[in-house]
Amino acid sequence: MSNTISDEIWTKLSCPQCSGPVEITNKAVSCQVCNTTFPALPNGGVDLRLQLPRQCQSVVTIEPSPLYPRLSFEPLKSAKPLDKEKRLSRLPPRISTELAARFPKATGKTALMLDLGCGKMIHRELVEHQGFRYVGLDRDDPGAMFLGDAQALPFTDGSFEFVLSISVLQEVPHPEMMIREAFRVLTPGGVFIGSAAYLESYSRTYHHFTHLGLNALLQQEGFAVEAIAPNPRWTAPISLLGNGLFPYMPRPLAVALVSPVYVGHRIWWWLGGFLHPQATESNRLLLTTGSFFFIARKPIV
């Protein structure tokens, strides 16, 4: 159907409506079980969004005495950088150097990764530098490789070594289903990396995730959580400044209006550091970040 999508990717497709096997023709993808037909896109991909409601069940384990997670919830520290030959002159927006350094490397030439909620596929160059074959899926963007629903992914179990999802989890009605689907399509040992909104002002947001809530959701769906960290470059004041308090106001004027409060906030926390052990920069970010990064892994066993 398209020279830009490899045969390896086509073999990983399944029906999002019933999870059945599909047949690929020059014009569409058809399910061999429920007979649903998914139309081709002008760019060579397929519109694999749900055409009918799909029912899903969820089982939750409630612990008698939930414990506070042992994660530190500290900002991501500088880690081993990307190989020199794989560095980019400029990272995509909302991906920090520290997060990019934790992207896994492909284990082989046919290893696939899924950019979940890819938009215009701005992450493609970065993950291809890590050796992966890129697959981009988005709900609405016509420039995406495939159209689909993050809550009902059109891929077979264990298709990807790496799933990336930046600022998408808060925009789906049932985030636990999106996490469950990411877990399903990952290979054992595969990595799920992304970000989710906390104190973010945006009209299309269904949910805001605290560090504890995000950790609980990831663990509930089977992931081993390696890190949940506040995003120091996307804080609540910055989000409110651009999206909530003064939308469409010239930025210099908006900054001038907010600056006295923000400066006072930083001074207060700085002074508190001399008086209280909890008044740390890490805790300040934990309470005022606009979003959290997360790194989780599907257990091998």
C-alpha atoms as a PDB file:
ATOM      1  CA  MET A   1       0.000   0.000   0.000  1.00  0.00           C
ATOM      2  CA  SER A   2       2.907   2.366   0.580  1.00  0.00           C
ATOM      3  CA  ASN A   3       6.642   2.283  -0.036  1.00  0.00           C
ATOM      4  CA  THR A   4       7.168   4.210   3.225  1.00  0.00           C
ATOM      5  CA  ILE A   5       5.620   1.486   5.413  1.00  0.00           C
ATOM      6  CA  SER A   6       7.597  -1.742   5.511  1.00  0.00           C
ATOM      7  CA  ASP A   7       6.138  -5.227   5.153  1.00  0.00           C
ATOM      8  CA  GLU A   8       7.198  -5.904   8.750  1.00  0.00           C
ATOM      9  CA  ILE A   9       4.807  -3.212   9.969  1.00  0.00           C
ATOM     10  CA  TRP A  10       1.872  -4.484   7.909  1.00  0.00           C
ATOM     11  CA  THR A  11       2.224  -7.951   9.436  1.00  0.00           C
ATOM     12  CA  LYS A  12       1.667  -6.460  12.918  1.00  0.00           C
ATOM     13  CA  LEU A  13      -1.790  -5.063  12.157  1.00  0.00           C
ATOM     14  CA  SER A  14      -4.902  -6.512  13.777  1.00  0.00           C
ATOM     15  CA  CYS A  15      -8.541  -5.467  13.948  1.00  0.00           C
ATOM     16  CA  PRO A  16      -9.110  -2.805  16.625  1.00  0.00           C
ATOM     17  CA  GLN A  17     -12.799  -3.727  16.717  1.00  0.00           C
ATOM     18  CA  CYS A  18     -12.432  -7.414  17.664  1.00  0.00           C
ATOM     19  CA  SER A  19      -8.629  -8.090  17.698  1.00  0.00           C
ATOM     20  CA  GLY A  20      -9.024 -10.524  14.822  1.00  0.00           C
ATOM     21  CA  PRO A  21      -6.550 -11.043  11.943  1.00  0.00           C
ATOM     22  CA  VAL A  22      -6.796  -8.725   8.972  1.00  0.00           C
ATOM     23  CA  GLU A  23      -6.386  -8.970   5.217  1.00  0.00           C
ATOM     24  CA  ILE A  24      -4.577  -6.171   3.406  1.00  0.00           C
ATOM     25  CA  THR A  25      -5.572  -5.102  -0.105  1.00  0.00           C
ATOM     26  CA  ASN A  26      -4.590  -2.189  -2.308  1.00  0.00           C
ATOM     27  CA  LYS A  27      -7.433  -0.078  -0.996  1.00  0.00           C
ATOM     28  CA  ALA A  28      -8.278  -1.176   2.534  1.00  0.00           C
ATOM     29  CA  VAL A  29      -7.697  -3.432   5.515  1.00  0.00           C
ATOM     30  CA  SER A  30     -10.470  -5.941   6.227  1.00  0.00           C
ATOM     31  CA  CYS A  31     -11.030  -8.016   9.351  1.00  0.00           C
ATOM     32  CA  GLN A  32     -11.374 -11.726   8.683  1.00  0.00           C
ATOM     33  CA  VAL A  33     -13.516 -12.231  11.798  1.00  0.00           C
ATOM     34  CA  CYS A  34     -15.973  -9.316  12.150  1.00  0.00           C
ATOM     35  CA  ASN A  35     -15.767  -8.254   8.454  1.00  0.00           C
ATOM     36  CA  THR A  36     -15.110  -4.604   9.349  1.00  0.00           C
ATOM     37  CA  THR A  37     -13.357  -2.720   6.552  1.00  0.00           C
ATOM     38  CA  PHE A  38     -10.918   0.088   7.342  1.00  0.00           C
ATOM     39  CA  PRO A  39     -10.279   2.559   4.492  1.00  0.00           C
ATOM     40  CA  ALA A  40      -6.913   3.564   3.123  1.00  0.00           C
ATOM     41  CA  LEU A  41      -5.548   7.064   3.703  1.00  0.00           C
ATOM     42  CA  PRO A  42      -4.185   9.334   0.956  1.00  0.00           C
ATOM     43  CA  ASN A  43      -0.683   9.119   2.484  1.00  0.00           C
ATOM     44  CA  GLY A  44      -0.639   5.323   2.141  1.00  0.00           C
ATOM     45  CA  GLY A  45      -1.683   4.450   5.686  1.00  0.00           C
ATOM     46  CA  VAL A  46      -5.017   3.206   7.020  1.00  0.00           C
ATOM     47  CA  ASP A  47      -7.823   4.684   9.108  1.00  0.00           C
ATOM     48  CA  LEU A  48      -7.981   2.076  11.876  1.00  0.00           C
ATOM     49  CA  ARG A  49     -10.206   3.987  14.262  1.00  0.00           C
ATOM     50  CA  LEU A  50     -13.128   2.191  15.899  1.00  0.00           C
ATOM     51  CA  GLN A  51     -16.319   2.233  13.852  1.00  0.00           C
ATOM     52  CA  LEU A  52     -18.573   0.852  16.601  1.00  0.00           C
ATOM     53  CA  PRO A  53     -18.431   0.989  20.411  1.00  0.00           C
ATOM     54  CA  ARG A  54     -16.176  -1.656  21.978  1.00  0.00           C
ATOM     55  CA  GLN A  55     -16.783  -2.936  25.494  1.00  0.00           C
ATOM     56  CA  CYS A  56     -13.839  -3.598  27.816  1.00  0.00           C
ATOM     57  CA  GLN A  57     -13.640  -4.879  31.379  1.00  0.00           C
ATOM     58  CA  SER A  58     -11.212  -3.822  34.067  1.00  0.00           C
ATOM     59  CA  VAL A  59     -10.134  -5.702  37.196  1.00  0.00           C
ATOM     60  CA  VAL A  60      -8.540  -3.711  39.999  1.00  0.00           C
ATOM     61  CA  THR A  61      -6.744  -5.083  43.054  1.00  0.00           C
ATOM     62  CA  ILE A  62      -7.294  -2.981  46.183  1.00  0.00           C
ATOM     63  CA  GLU A  63      -4.545  -3.440  48.745  1.00  0.00           C
ATOM     64  CA  PRO A  64      -5.592  -3.476  52.434  1.00  0.00           C
ATOM     65  CA  SER A  65      -2.823  -1.049  53.376  1.00  0.00           C
ATOM     66  CA  PRO A  66      -1.452   0.838  50.370  1.00  0.00           C
ATOM     67  CA  LEU A  67       2.134   1.907  50.858  1.00  0.00           C
ATOM     68  CA  TYR A  68       3.779   5.072  49.612  1.00  0.00           C
ATOM     69  CA  PRO A  69       5.884   4.075  46.578  1.00  0.00           C
ATOM     70  CA  ARG A  70       9.620   3.746  47.038  1.00  0.00           C
ATOM     71  CA  LEU A  71      10.287   5.879  43.972  1.00  0.00           C
ATOM     72  CA  SER A  72      12.114   9.118  44.700  1.00  0.00           C
ATOM     73  CA  PHE A  73      10.028  11.203  42.223  1.00  0.00           C
ATOM     74  CA  GLU A  74      13.124  13.361  41.703  1.00  0.00           C
ATOM     75  CA  PRO A  75      13.701  15.289  38.454  1.00  0.00           C
ATOM     76  CA  LEU A  76      15.553  13.193  35.900  1.00  0.00           C
ATOM     77  CA  LYS A  77      19.287  13.597  36.298  1.00  0.00           C
ATOM     78  CA  SER A  78      21.782  13.824  33.494  1.00  0.00           C
ATOM     79  CA  ALA A  79      22.397  10.318  32.247  1.00  0.00           C
ATOM     80  CA  LYS A  80      24.620   8.752  29.615  1.00  0.00           C
ATOM     81  CA  PRO A  81      24.073  10.965  26.555  1.00  0.00           C
ATOM     82  CA  LEU A  82      23.036   9.778  23.143  1.00  0.00           C
ATOM     83  CA  ASP A  83      25.899   8.492  21.040  1.00  0.00           C
ATOM     84  CA  LYS A  84      27.686  11.330  19.268  1.00  0.00           C
ATOM     85  CA  GLU A  85      26.699  10.031  15.862  1.00  0.00           C
ATOM     86  CA  LYS A  86      23.068   9.814  16.988  1.00  0.00           C
ATOM     87  CA  ARG A  87      22.655  13.256  18.530  1.00  0.00           C
ATOM     88  CA  LEU A  88      20.256  15.746  17.003  1.00  0.00           C
ATOM     89  CA  SER A  89      20.895  19.452  16.696  1.00  0.00           C
ATOM     90  CA  ARG A  90      17.518  20.071  18.333  1.00  0.00           C
ATOM     91  CA  LEU A  91      15.229  17.777  20.312  1.00  0.00           C
ATOM     92  CA  PRO A  92      11.481  17.767  19.646  1.00  0.00           C
ATOM     93  CA  PRO A  93       9.398  19.969  21.974  1.00  0.00           C
ATOM     94  CA  ARG A  94       8.479  18.458  25.368  1.00  0.00           C
ATOM     95  CA  ILE A  95      11.338  15.937  25.268  1.00  0.00           C
ATOM     96  CA  SER A  96      14.213  16.892  27.525  1.00  0.00           C
ATOM     97  CA  THR A  97      17.813  15.804  27.048  1.00  0.00           C
ATOM     98  CA  GLU A  98      17.523  13.702  30.201  1.00  0.00           C
ATOM     99  CA  LEU A  99      14.433  11.882  28.902  1.00  0.00           C
ATOM    100  CA  ALA A 100      15.893  11.314  25.430  1.00  0.00           C
ATOM    101  CA  ALA A 101      19.008   9.783  26.995  1.00  0.00           C
ATOM    102  CA  ARG A 102      16.799   7.067  28.472  1.00  0.00           C
ATOM    103  CA  PHE A 103      15.332   5.991  25.141  1.00  0.00           C
ATOM    104  CA  PRO A 104      16.237   2.340  24.540  1.00  0.00           C
ATOM    105  CA  LYS A 105      18.263   1.164  21.576  1.00  0.00           C
ATOM    106  CA  ALA A 106      16.821  -1.294  19.095  1.00  0.00           C
ATOM    107  CA  THR A 107      17.967  -4.881  19.554  1.00  0.00           C
ATOM    108  CA  GLY A 108      17.956  -5.560  15.822  1.00  0.00           C
ATOM    109  CA  LYS A 109      17.349  -4.095  12.379  1.00  0.00           C
ATOM    110  CA  THR A 110      13.676  -5.102  12.345  1.00  0.00           C
ATOM    111  CA  ALA A 111      12.812  -3.808  15.846  1.00  0.00           C
ATOM    112  CA  LEU A 112       9.680  -1.653  15.863  1.00  0.00           C
ATOM    113  CA  MET A 113       8.644   1.258  18.062  1.00  0.00           C
ATOM    114  CA  LEU A 114       5.232   2.893  18.371  1.00  0.00           C
ATOM    115  CA  ASP A 115       4.769   6.646  18.695  1.00  0.00           C
ATOM    116  CA  LEU A 116       1.363   6.723  20.366  1.00  0.00           C
ATOM    117  CA  GLY A 117      -0.401  10.011  19.636  1.00  0.00           C
ATOM    118  CA  CYS A 118       2.308  10.923  17.151  1.00  0.00           C
ATOM    119  CA  GLY A 119       0.727  14.031  15.600  1.00  0.00           C
ATOM    120  CA  LYS A 120       2.929  15.066  12.712  1.00  0.00           C
ATOM    121  CA  MET A 121       5.500  12.407  13.644  1.00  0.00           C
ATOM    122  CA  ILE A 122       8.043  14.894  14.993  1.00  0.00           C
ATOM    123  CA  HIS A 123       9.721  12.178  17.079  1.00  0.00           C
ATOM    124  CA  ARG A 124      10.542   9.985  14.099  1.00  0.00           C
ATOM    125  CA  GLU A 125      14.125  11.141  13.524  1.00  0.00           C
ATOM    126  CA  LEU A 126      15.015  10.773  17.186  1.00  0.00           C
ATOM    127  CA  VAL A 127      13.800   7.185  17.555  1.00  0.00           C
ATOM    128  CA  GLU A 128      15.182   6.123  14.182  1.00  0.00           C
ATOM    129  CA  HIS A 129      18.577   7.329  15.430  1.00  0.00           C
ATOM    130  CA  GLN A 130      18.144   4.677  18.117  1.00  0.00           C
ATOM    131  CA  GLY A 131      17.846   2.013  15.425  1.00  0.00           C
ATOM    132  CA  PHE A 132      14.073   1.451  15.443  1.00  0.00           C
ATOM    133  CA  ARG A 133      11.618   1.167  12.595  1.00  0.00           C
ATOM    134  CA  TYR A 134       9.117   3.888  13.339  1.00  0.00           C
ATOM    135  CA  VAL A 135       5.332   3.428  13.540  1.00  0.00           C
ATOM    136  CA  GLY A 136       3.223   6.535  14.169  1.00  0.00           C
ATOM    137  CA  LEU A 137      -0.438   6.403  15.235  1.00  0.00           C
ATOM    138  CA  ASP A 138      -2.698   9.363  15.994  1.00  0.00           C
ATOM    139  CA  ARG A 139      -6.410   9.868  16.611  1.00  0.00           C
ATOM    140  CA  ASP A 140      -6.940  12.777  14.214  1.00  0.00           C
ATOM    141  CA  ASP A 141      -3.799  14.093  12.515  1.00  0.00           C
ATOM    142  CA  PRO A 142      -3.946  13.372   8.748  1.00  0.00           C
ATOM    143  CA  GLY A 143      -0.150  13.382   8.583  1.00  0.00           C
ATOM    144  CA  ALA A 144       0.124  10.301  10.796  1.00  0.00           C
ATOM    145  CA  MET A 145       1.134   6.917   9.429  1.00  0.00           C
ATOM    146  CA  PHE A 146      -2.012   5.324  10.857  1.00  0.00           C
ATOM    147  CA  LEU A 147      -5.171   6.717  12.421  1.00  0.00           C
ATOM    148  CA  GLY A 148      -6.385   4.839  15.473  1.00  0.00           C
ATOM    149  CA  ASP A 149      -7.542   4.930  19.066  1.00  0.00           C
ATOM    150  CA  ALA A 150      -4.954   4.590  21.837  1.00  0.00           C
ATOM    151  CA  GLN A 151      -7.578   2.696  23.857  1.00  0.00           C
ATOM    152  CA  ALA A 152      -7.979   0.019  21.145  1.00  0.00           C
ATOM    153  CA  LEU A 153      -4.685  -0.340  19.306  1.00  0.00           C
ATOM    154  CA  PRO A 154      -4.759  -2.037  15.884  1.00  0.00           C
ATOM    155  CA  PHE A 155      -1.611  -4.121  16.476  1.00  0.00           C
ATOM    156  CA  THR A 156      -0.910  -7.691  17.529  1.00  0.00           C
ATOM    157  CA  ASP A 157       0.415  -8.594  20.978  1.00  0.00           C
ATOM    158  CA  GLY A 158       4.134  -8.023  21.533  1.00  0.00           C
ATOM    159  CA  SER A 159       4.714  -6.037  18.339  1.00  0.00           C
ATOM    160  CA  PHE A 160       6.985  -3.283  19.702  1.00  0.00           C
ATOM    161  CA  GLU A 161      10.142  -2.992  21.768  1.00  0.00           C
ATOM    162  CA  PHE A 162       9.441   0.639  22.628  1.00  0.00           C
ATOM    163  CA  VAL A 163       6.255   2.696  23.001  1.00  0.00           C
ATOM    164  CA  LEU A 164       6.507   6.480  23.286  1.00  0.00           C
ATOM    165  CA  SER A 165       3.599   8.737  24.224  1.00  0.00           C
ATOM    166  CA  ILE A 166       4.162  12.439  24.869  1.00  0.00           C
ATOM    167  CA  SER A 167       1.294  14.463  26.396  1.00  0.00           C
ATOM    168  CA  VAL A 168      -1.442  12.061  25.284  1.00  0.00           C
ATOM    169  CA  LEU A 169      -2.540  10.133  28.379  1.00  0.00           C
ATOM    170  CA  GLN A 170      -4.543  13.074  29.729  1.00  0.00           C
ATOM    171  CA  GLU A 171      -6.487  13.416  26.478  1.00  0.00           C
ATOM    172  CA  VAL A 172      -8.138   9.971  26.416  1.00  0.00           C
ATOM    173  CA  PRO A 173     -11.356   9.266  28.340  1.00  0.00           C
ATOM    174  CA  HIS A 174     -10.072   5.971  29.788  1.00  0.00           C
ATOM    175  CA  PRO A 175      -6.324   6.259  30.451  1.00  0.00           C
ATOM    176  CA  GLU A 176      -6.157   2.845  32.115  1.00  0.00           C
ATOM    177  CA  MET A 177      -7.182   1.290  28.784  1.00  0.00           C
ATOM    178  CA  MET A 178      -4.478   3.192  26.931  1.00  0.00           C
ATOM    179  CA  ILE A 179      -1.869   1.946  29.424  1.00  0.00           C
ATOM    180  CA  ARG A 180      -3.234  -1.605  29.153  1.00  0.00           C
ATOM    181  CA  GLU A 181      -3.005  -1.478  25.363  1.00  0.00           C
ATOM    182  CA  ALA A 182       0.570  -0.153  25.523  1.00  0.00           C
ATOM    183  CA  PHE A 183       1.426  -3.066  27.822  1.00  0.00           C
ATOM    184  CA  ARG A 184      -0.215  -5.555  25.448  1.00  0.00           C
ATOM    185  CA  VAL A 185       1.623  -4.467  22.310  1.00  0.00           C
ATOM    186  CA  LEU A 186       5.035  -4.318  24.014  1.00  0.00           C
ATOM    187  CA  THR A 187       7.422  -7.252  23.936  1.00  0.00           C
ATOM    188  CA  PRO A 188       8.471  -8.636  27.342  1.00  0.00           C
ATOM    189  CA  GLY A 189      11.169  -6.289  28.590  1.00  0.00           C
ATOM    190  CA  GLY A 190       9.876  -3.495  26.346  1.00  0.00           C
ATOM    191  CA  VAL A 191       9.883   0.108  27.533  1.00  0.00           C
ATOM    192  CA  PHE A 192       7.002   2.587  27.814  1.00  0.00           C
ATOM    193  CA  ILE A 193       8.170   6.214  28.031  1.00  0.00           C
ATOM    194  CA  GLY A 194       6.081   9.356  27.989  1.00  0.00           C
ATOM    195  CA  SER A 195       4.588  12.301  29.810  1.00  0.00           C
ATOM    196  CA  ALA A 196       1.221  13.103  31.348  1.00  0.00           C
ATOM    197  CA  ALA A 197      -0.325  16.379  32.505  1.00  0.00           C
ATOM    198  CA  TYR A 198      -0.524  17.414  36.145  1.00  0.00           C
ATOM    199  CA  LEU A 199      -1.086  21.166  36.669  1.00  0.00           C
ATOM    200  CA  GLU A 200      -1.676  21.999  33.041  1.00  0.00           C
ATOM    201  CA  SER A 201      -4.259  24.420  31.697  1.00  0.00           C
ATOM    202  CA  TYR A 202      -5.704  22.990  28.491  1.00  0.00           C
ATOM    203  CA  SER A 203      -9.286  22.694  27.284  1.00  0.00           C
ATOM    204  CA  ARG A 204      -8.958  19.171  25.806  1.00  0.00           C
ATOM    205  CA  THR A 205      -7.706  17.532  29.012  1.00  0.00           C
ATOM    206  CA  TYR A 206      -9.829  14.756  30.532  1.00  0.00           C
ATOM    207  CA  HIS A 207      -7.519  13.986  33.467  1.00  0.00           C
ATOM    208  CA  HIS A 208      -4.685  15.437  35.551  1.00  0.00           C
ATOM    209  CA  PHE A 209      -2.249  12.926  37.060  1.00  0.00           C
ATOM    210  CA  THR A 210      -0.364  13.287  40.311  1.00  0.00           C
ATOM    211  CA  HIS A 211       2.861  11.336  40.682  1.00  0.00           C
ATOM    212  CA  LEU A 212       1.052   8.852  42.939  1.00  0.00           C
ATOM    213  CA  GLY A 213      -1.901   8.420  40.605  1.00  0.00           C
ATOM    214  CA  LEU A 214       0.310   7.881  37.562  1.00  0.00           C
ATOM    215  CA  ASN A 215       2.414   5.332  39.431  1.00  0.00           C
ATOM    216  CA  ALA A 216      -0.726   3.478  40.577  1.00  0.00           C
ATOM    217  CA  LEU A 217      -2.179   3.312  37.055  1.00  0.00           C
ATOM    218  CA  LEU A 218       1.037   1.992  35.508  1.00  0.00           C
ATOM    219  CA  GLN A 219       1.452  -0.642  38.204  1.00  0.00           C
ATOM    220  CA  GLN A 220      -2.226  -1.615  38.002  1.00  0.00           C
ATOM    221  CA  GLU A 221      -1.782  -2.559  34.339  1.00  0.00           C
ATOM    222  CA  GLY A 222       1.329  -4.631  35.003  1.00  0.00           C
ATOM    223  CA  PHE A 223       4.236  -2.240  34.430  1.00  0.00           C
ATOM    224  CA  ALA A 224       7.362  -2.077  36.564  1.00  0.00           C
ATOM    225  CA  VAL A 225       7.788   1.678  37.092  1.00  0.00           C
ATOM    226  CA  GLU A 226      11.399   2.847  36.856  1.00  0.00           C
ATOM    227  CA  ALA A 227      10.902   6.600  37.181  1.00  0.00           C
ATOM    228  CA  ILE A 228       8.243   9.280  37.497  1.00  0.00           C
ATOM    229  CA  ALA A 229       9.736  12.738  37.430  1.00  0.00           C
ATOM    230  CA  PRO A 230       8.449  16.330  37.324  1.00  0.00           C
ATOM    231  CA  ASN A 231       9.144  18.258  34.148  1.00  0.00           C
ATOM    232  CA  PRO A 232      11.198  21.285  35.260  1.00  0.00           C
ATOM    233  CA  ARG A 233      10.684  23.106  31.943  1.00  0.00           C
ATOM    234  CA  TRP A 234       6.884  22.870  31.905  1.00  0.00           C
ATOM    235  CA  THR A 235       5.626  24.188  35.225  1.00  0.00           C
ATOM    236  CA  ALA A 236       2.171  25.294  36.333  1.00  0.00           C
ATOM    237  CA  PRO A 237       3.055  29.028  36.110  1.00  0.00           C
ATOM    238  CA  ILE A 238       4.276  28.607  32.529  1.00  0.00           C
ATOM    239  CA  SER A 239       1.200  26.580  31.550  1.00  0.00           C
ATOM    240  CA  LEU A 240      -1.209  29.029  33.161  1.00  0.00           C
ATOM    241  CA  LEU A 241       0.613  31.968  31.640  1.00  0.00           C
ATOM    242  CA  GLY A 242       0.183  30.758  28.076  1.00  0.00           C
ATOM    243  CA  ASN A 243      -3.067  28.810  28.266  1.00  0.00           C
ATOM    244  CA  GLY A 244      -5.176  30.031  31.160  1.00  0.00           C
ATOM    245  CA  LEU A 245      -4.433  33.388  32.746  1.00  0.00           C
ATOM    246  CA  PHE A 246      -3.584  35.563  29.755  1.00  0.00           C
ATOM    247  CA  PRO A 247      -4.324  33.712  26.498  1.00  0.00           C
ATOM    248  CA  TYR A 248      -3.468  35.673  23.339  1.00  0.00           C
ATOM    249  CA  MET A 249      -1.799  38.435  25.408  1.00  0.00           C
ATOM    250  CA  PRO A 250       1.669  39.423  24.173  1.00  0.00           C
ATOM    251  CA  ARG A 251       4.060  37.224  26.120  1.00  0.00           C
ATOM    252  CA  PRO A 252       6.314  40.029  27.465  1.00  0.00           C
ATOM    253  CA  LEU A 253       3.279  41.726  29.013  1.00  0.00           C
ATOM    254  CA  ALA A 254       1.959  38.474  30.487  1.00  0.00           C
ATOM    255  CA  VAL A 255       5.366  37.682  31.982  1.00  0.00           C
ATOM    256  CA  ALA A 256       5.539  41.158  33.506  1.00  0.00           C
ATOM    257  CA  LEU A 257       2.159  40.677  35.188  1.00  0.00           C
ATOM    258  CA  VAL A 258       3.052  37.295  36.684  1.00  0.00           C
ATOM    259  CA  SER A 259       6.714  37.885  37.511  1.00  0.00           C
ATOM    260  CA  PRO A 260       6.246  39.454  40.983  1.00  0.00           C
ATOM    261  CA  VAL A 261       4.254  36.466  42.222  1.00  0.00           C
ATOM    262  CA  TYR A 262       6.658  33.963  40.663  1.00  0.00           C
ATOM    263  CA  VAL A 263       9.723  35.706  42.080  1.00  0.00           C
ATOM    264  CA  GLY A 264       8.092  35.794  45.505  1.00  0.00           C
ATOM    265  CA  HIS A 265       7.310  32.072  45.204  1.00  0.00           C
ATOM    266  CA  ARG A 266      10.960  31.217  44.435  1.00  0.00           C
ATOM    267  CA  ILE A 267      12.274  33.407  47.258  1.00  0.00           C
ATOM    268  CA  TRP A 268       9.837  31.849  49.737  1.00  0.00           C
ATOM    269  CA  TRP A 269      10.968  28.342  48.842  1.00  0.00           C
ATOM    270  CA  TRP A 270      14.621  29.402  49.000  1.00  0.00           C
ATOM    271  CA  LEU A 271      14.162  30.826  52.471  1.00  0.00           C
ATOM    272  CA  GLY A 272      12.218  27.757  53.522  1.00  0.00           C
ATOM    273  CA  GLY A 273      15.212  25.605  52.654  1.00  0.00           C
ATOM    274  CA  PHE A 274      17.016  27.061  55.654  1.00  0.00           C
ATOM    275  CA  LEU A 275      14.097  26.392  57.997  1.00  0.00           C
ATOM    276  CA  HIS A 276      12.479  23.124  56.936  1.00  0.00           C
ATOM    277  CA  PRO A 277      14.026  19.943  55.482  1.00  0.00           C
ATOM    278  CA  GLN A 278      11.050  19.419  53.115  1.00  0.00           C
ATOM    279  CA  ALA A 279      11.474  22.791  51.430  1.00  0.00           C
ATOM    280  CA  THR A 280      13.686  21.426  48.665  1.00  0.00           C
ATOM    281  CA  GLU A 281      13.828  22.240  44.973  1.00  0.00           C
ATOM    282  CA  SER A 282      12.685  18.702  44.199  1.00  0.00           C
ATOM    283  CA  ASN A 283       9.562  19.104  46.332  1.00  0.00           C
ATOM    284  CA  ARG A 284       8.876  22.517  44.832  1.00  0.00           C
ATOM    285  CA  LEU A 285       8.869  20.987  41.361  1.00  0.00           C
ATOM    286  CA  LEU A 286       6.801  18.023  42.551  1.00  0.00           C
ATOM    287  CA  LEU A 287       4.074  20.412  43.714  1.00  0.00           C
ATOM    288  CA  THR A 288       4.168  22.898  40.834  1.00  0.00           C
ATOM    289  CA  THR A 289       5.106  20.945  37.702  1.00  0.00           C
ATOM    290  CA  GLY A 290       2.825  21.070  34.689  1.00  0.00           C
ATOM    291  CA  SER A 291       3.491  17.440  33.736  1.00  0.00           C
ATOM    292  CA  PHE A 292       5.323  14.307  34.771  1.00  0.00           C
ATOM    293  CA  PHE A 293       7.696  12.166  32.738  1.00  0.00           C
ATOM    294  CA  PHE A 294       7.371   8.417  33.236  1.00  0.00           C
ATOM    295  CA  ILE A 295       9.566   5.443  32.387  1.00  0.00           C
ATOM    296  CA  ALA A 296       8.090   1.963  32.811  1.00  0.00           C
ATOM    297  CA  ARG A 297       8.986  -1.526  31.647  1.00  0.00           C
ATOM    298  CA  LYS A 298       6.974  -4.629  30.818  1.00  0.00           C
ATOM    299  CA  PRO A 299       8.381  -7.445  32.965  1.00  0.00           C
ATOM    300  CA  ILE A 300      10.055 -10.330  31.157  1.00  0.00           C
ATOM    301  CA  VAL A 301       8.281 -12.899  33.329  1.00  0.00           C
END
